[in-house]
């Protein structure tokens, strides 16, 4: 094949290749739009942050409900000030199980160091009400 024929063939194929590349890459406007940051999720996230913490009253009601429904607890003794061991008669294993029940109820993970500080209904309410991921 002559070099002139090869050159003409290449010229004929070039527009098709260029069009295919444009389709694959998109137009400059399309590429620019794809590179622009989207602020809608950020705005939704920020709106959610305003209400990220559960109301303390709701937390208290749910914590009291969890404790009242615990198998070794007399529901009549459960108050916001009730101490798990002194007032409710729970041992250390029971206390761990109650804290685990709080984790399940509020979909949070309470680190061991923090769990050791939770010895009353009020402690649990304070910790969970200040936890932004509590649900």
C-alpha atoms as a PDB file:
ATOM      1  CA  UNK A   1       0.000   0.000   0.000  1.00  0.00           C
ATOM      2  CA  UNK A   2       1.378   3.357  -0.849  1.00  0.00           C
ATOM      3  CA  UNK A   3       2.153   5.905   1.789  1.00  0.00           C
ATOM      4  CA  UNK A   4      -0.333   8.294   0.182  1.00  0.00           C
ATOM      5  CA  UNK A   5      -3.082   5.733   0.615  1.00  0.00           C
ATOM      6  CA  UNK A   6      -2.115   5.188   4.291  1.00  0.00           C
ATOM      7  CA  UNK A   7      -2.178   8.919   4.926  1.00  0.00           C
ATOM      8  CA  UNK A   8      -5.646   9.242   3.369  1.00  0.00           C
ATOM      9  CA  UNK A   9      -6.907   6.285   5.413  1.00  0.00           C
ATOM     10  CA  UNK A  10      -5.565   7.853   8.599  1.00  0.00           C
ATOM     11  CA  UNK A  11      -7.262  11.146   7.759  1.00  0.00           C
ATOM     12  CA  UNK A  12     -10.555   9.360   7.220  1.00  0.00           C
ATOM     13  CA  UNK A  13     -10.290   7.514  10.528  1.00  0.00           C
ATOM     14  CA  UNK A  14      -9.153  10.498  12.605  1.00  0.00           C
ATOM     15  CA  UNK A  15     -12.584  12.184  12.904  1.00  0.00           C
ATOM     16  CA  UNK A  16     -14.147   8.902  14.036  1.00  0.00           C
ATOM     17  CA  UNK A  17     -11.444   8.364  16.646  1.00  0.00           C
ATOM     18  CA  UNK A  18     -11.746  11.950  17.837  1.00  0.00           C
ATOM     19  CA  UNK A  19     -15.535  11.618  18.149  1.00  0.00           C
ATOM     20  CA  UNK A  20     -15.175   8.398  20.121  1.00  0.00           C
ATOM     21  CA  UNK A  21     -12.698  10.058  22.462  1.00  0.00           C
ATOM     22  CA  UNK A  22     -15.047  13.000  22.971  1.00  0.00           C
ATOM     23  CA  UNK A  23     -17.912  10.682  23.836  1.00  0.00           C
ATOM     24  CA  UNK A  24     -15.745   8.716  26.263  1.00  0.00           C
ATOM     25  CA  UNK A  25     -14.296  11.810  27.890  1.00  0.00           C
ATOM     26  CA  UNK A  26     -17.382  13.980  27.609  1.00  0.00           C
ATOM     27  CA  UNK A  27     -17.443  17.561  26.501  1.00  0.00           C
ATOM     28  CA  UNK A  28     -15.362  20.121  28.366  1.00  0.00           C
ATOM     29  CA  UNK A  29     -18.531  21.384  30.050  1.00  0.00           C
ATOM     30  CA  UNK A  30     -19.443  17.854  31.157  1.00  0.00           C
ATOM     31  CA  UNK A  31     -15.960  17.227  32.537  1.00  0.00           C
ATOM     32  CA  UNK A  32     -16.029  20.574  34.363  1.00  0.00           C
ATOM     33  CA  UNK A  33     -19.435  19.803  35.874  1.00  0.00           C
ATOM     34  CA  UNK A  34     -18.163  16.424  37.047  1.00  0.00           C
ATOM     35  CA  UNK A  35     -15.227  18.090  38.803  1.00  0.00           C
ATOM     36  CA  UNK A  36     -17.369  20.650  40.662  1.00  0.00           C
ATOM     37  CA  UNK A  37     -17.970  19.797  44.287  1.00  0.00           C
ATOM     38  CA  UNK A  38     -21.520  18.995  45.253  1.00  0.00           C
ATOM     39  CA  UNK A  39     -22.684  20.862  48.315  1.00  0.00           C
ATOM     40  CA  UNK A  40     -26.116  19.290  48.774  1.00  0.00           C
ATOM     41  CA  UNK A  41     -24.882  16.346  50.875  1.00  0.00           C
ATOM     42  CA  UNK A  42     -22.824  18.729  52.976  1.00  0.00           C
ATOM     43  CA  UNK A  43     -25.878  20.907  53.563  1.00  0.00           C
ATOM     44  CA  UNK A  44     -27.948  17.872  54.520  1.00  0.00           C
ATOM     45  CA  UNK A  45     -25.157  16.674  56.806  1.00  0.00           C
ATOM     46  CA  UNK A  46     -24.932  20.074  58.484  1.00  0.00           C
ATOM     47  CA  UNK A  47     -28.679  20.195  58.981  1.00  0.00           C
ATOM     48  CA  UNK A  48     -28.479  16.774  60.602  1.00  0.00           C
ATOM     49  CA  UNK A  49     -25.724  17.993  62.909  1.00  0.00           C
ATOM     50  CA  UNK A  50     -28.083  20.499  64.514  1.00  0.00           C
ATOM     51  CA  UNK A  51     -30.216  17.628  65.759  1.00  0.00           C
ATOM     52  CA  UNK A  52     -27.410  15.088  66.186  1.00  0.00           C
ATOM     53  CA  UNK A  53     -27.866  14.819  69.949  1.00  0.00           C
ATOM     54  CA  UNK A  54     -30.945  13.108  71.302  1.00  0.00           C
ATOM     55  CA  UNK A  55     -33.067  15.151  73.703  1.00  0.00           C
ATOM     56  CA  UNK A  56     -32.059  14.408  77.284  1.00  0.00           C
ATOM     57  CA  UNK A  57     -35.676  13.699  78.279  1.00  0.00           C
ATOM     58  CA  UNK A  58     -35.963  11.028  75.576  1.00  0.00           C
ATOM     59  CA  UNK A  59     -32.650   9.481  76.613  1.00  0.00           C
ATOM     60  CA  UNK A  60     -33.758   9.380  80.257  1.00  0.00           C
ATOM     61  CA  UNK A  61     -37.067   7.692  79.409  1.00  0.00           C
ATOM     62  CA  UNK A  62     -35.350   5.060  77.271  1.00  0.00           C
ATOM     63  CA  UNK A  63     -32.555   4.410  79.790  1.00  0.00           C
ATOM     64  CA  UNK A  64     -35.105   3.968  82.585  1.00  0.00           C
ATOM     65  CA  UNK A  65     -37.116   1.625  80.360  1.00  0.00           C
ATOM     66  CA  UNK A  66     -34.026  -0.491  79.614  1.00  0.00           C
ATOM     67  CA  UNK A  67     -33.158  -0.721  83.311  1.00  0.00           C
ATOM     68  CA  UNK A  68     -36.752  -1.510  84.353  1.00  0.00           C
ATOM     69  CA  UNK A  69     -36.891  -4.333  81.813  1.00  0.00           C
ATOM     70  CA  UNK A  70     -33.618  -5.848  83.014  1.00  0.00           C
ATOM     71  CA  UNK A  71     -34.284  -9.263  84.567  1.00  0.00           C
ATOM     72  CA  UNK A  72     -32.687  -8.642  87.982  1.00  0.00           C
ATOM     73  CA  UNK A  73     -34.218  -5.221  88.670  1.00  0.00           C
ATOM     74  CA  UNK A  74     -37.283  -4.261  90.681  1.00  0.00           C
ATOM     75  CA  UNK A  75     -38.924  -1.671  88.363  1.00  0.00           C
ATOM     76  CA  UNK A  76     -40.307   0.243  91.363  1.00  0.00           C
ATOM     77  CA  UNK A  77     -36.752   1.085  92.486  1.00  0.00           C
ATOM     78  CA  UNK A  78     -35.622   2.600  89.185  1.00  0.00           C
ATOM     79  CA  UNK A  79     -35.216   6.378  89.391  1.00  0.00           C
ATOM     80  CA  UNK A  80     -32.925   8.819  87.573  1.00  0.00           C
ATOM     81  CA  UNK A  81     -30.647   8.779  90.647  1.00  0.00           C
ATOM     82  CA  UNK A  82     -30.656   4.992  91.169  1.00  0.00           C
ATOM     83  CA  UNK A  83     -27.221   3.391  91.608  1.00  0.00           C
ATOM     84  CA  UNK A  84     -26.944   0.049  89.829  1.00  0.00           C
ATOM     85  CA  UNK A  85     -25.245  -1.744  92.736  1.00  0.00           C
ATOM     86  CA  UNK A  86     -26.379   0.123  95.862  1.00  0.00           C
ATOM     87  CA  UNK A  87     -30.012   0.800  94.923  1.00  0.00           C
ATOM     88  CA  UNK A  88     -30.861  -1.833  92.331  1.00  0.00           C
ATOM     89  CA  UNK A  89     -28.763  -4.720  93.665  1.00  0.00           C
ATOM     90  CA  UNK A  90     -26.876  -5.399  90.436  1.00  0.00           C
ATOM     91  CA  UNK A  91     -23.458  -7.029  90.560  1.00  0.00           C
ATOM     92  CA  UNK A  92     -20.591  -6.136  88.230  1.00  0.00           C
ATOM     93  CA  UNK A  93     -21.649  -8.636  85.558  1.00  0.00           C
ATOM     94  CA  UNK A  94     -25.216  -7.319  85.655  1.00  0.00           C
ATOM     95  CA  UNK A  95     -23.884  -3.785  85.278  1.00  0.00           C
ATOM     96  CA  UNK A  96     -21.879  -4.813  82.208  1.00  0.00           C
ATOM     97  CA  UNK A  97     -25.014  -6.396  80.742  1.00  0.00           C
ATOM     98  CA  UNK A  98     -27.045  -3.239  81.409  1.00  0.00           C
ATOM     99  CA  UNK A  99     -24.402  -1.119  79.664  1.00  0.00           C
ATOM    100  CA  UNK A 100     -24.489  -3.544  76.727  1.00  0.00           C
ATOM    101  CA  UNK A 101     -28.274  -3.148  76.653  1.00  0.00           C
ATOM    102  CA  UNK A 102     -27.758   0.641  76.439  1.00  0.00           C
ATOM    103  CA  UNK A 103     -25.399   0.089  73.508  1.00  0.00           C
ATOM    104  CA  UNK A 104     -28.063  -1.949  71.735  1.00  0.00           C
ATOM    105  CA  UNK A 105     -30.871   0.477  72.547  1.00  0.00           C
ATOM    106  CA  UNK A 106     -28.998   3.570  71.351  1.00  0.00           C
ATOM    107  CA  UNK A 107     -26.806   1.985  68.626  1.00  0.00           C
ATOM    108  CA  UNK A 108     -23.576   3.226  70.207  1.00  0.00           C
ATOM    109  CA  UNK A 109     -20.395   1.595  71.387  1.00  0.00           C
ATOM    110  CA  UNK A 110     -19.390   2.566  74.896  1.00  0.00           C
ATOM    111  CA  UNK A 111     -15.650   2.087  75.470  1.00  0.00           C
ATOM    112  CA  UNK A 112     -14.693   0.049  78.541  1.00  0.00           C
ATOM    113  CA  UNK A 113     -13.120   3.061  80.254  1.00  0.00           C
ATOM    114  CA  UNK A 114     -16.389   4.986  79.902  1.00  0.00           C
ATOM    115  CA  UNK A 115     -18.544   1.979  80.792  1.00  0.00           C
ATOM    116  CA  UNK A 116     -16.742   1.689  84.133  1.00  0.00           C
ATOM    117  CA  UNK A 117     -17.865   5.245  84.972  1.00  0.00           C
ATOM    118  CA  UNK A 118     -21.536   4.435  84.359  1.00  0.00           C
ATOM    119  CA  UNK A 119     -22.807   3.320  87.754  1.00  0.00           C
ATOM    120  CA  UNK A 120     -26.154   5.121  87.927  1.00  0.00           C
ATOM    121  CA  UNK A 121     -29.115   5.742  85.664  1.00  0.00           C
ATOM    122  CA  UNK A 122     -28.082   9.414  85.618  1.00  0.00           C
ATOM    123  CA  UNK A 123     -24.521   8.560  84.510  1.00  0.00           C
ATOM    124  CA  UNK A 124     -25.939   6.567  81.612  1.00  0.00           C
ATOM    125  CA  UNK A 125     -28.280   9.395  80.630  1.00  0.00           C
ATOM    126  CA  UNK A 126     -25.456  11.957  80.697  1.00  0.00           C
ATOM    127  CA  UNK A 127     -23.116   9.789  78.638  1.00  0.00           C
ATOM    128  CA  UNK A 128     -25.676   8.833  75.992  1.00  0.00           C
ATOM    129  CA  UNK A 129     -27.193  12.329  75.733  1.00  0.00           C
ATOM    130  CA  UNK A 130     -23.706  13.683  74.993  1.00  0.00           C
ATOM    131  CA  UNK A 131     -22.949  11.009  72.371  1.00  0.00           C
ATOM    132  CA  UNK A 132     -23.542  12.392  68.850  1.00  0.00           C
ATOM    133  CA  UNK A 133     -24.094   8.971  67.259  1.00  0.00           C
ATOM    134  CA  UNK A 134     -26.787   7.871  69.718  1.00  0.00           C
ATOM    135  CA  UNK A 135     -30.007   7.010  67.914  1.00  0.00           C
END
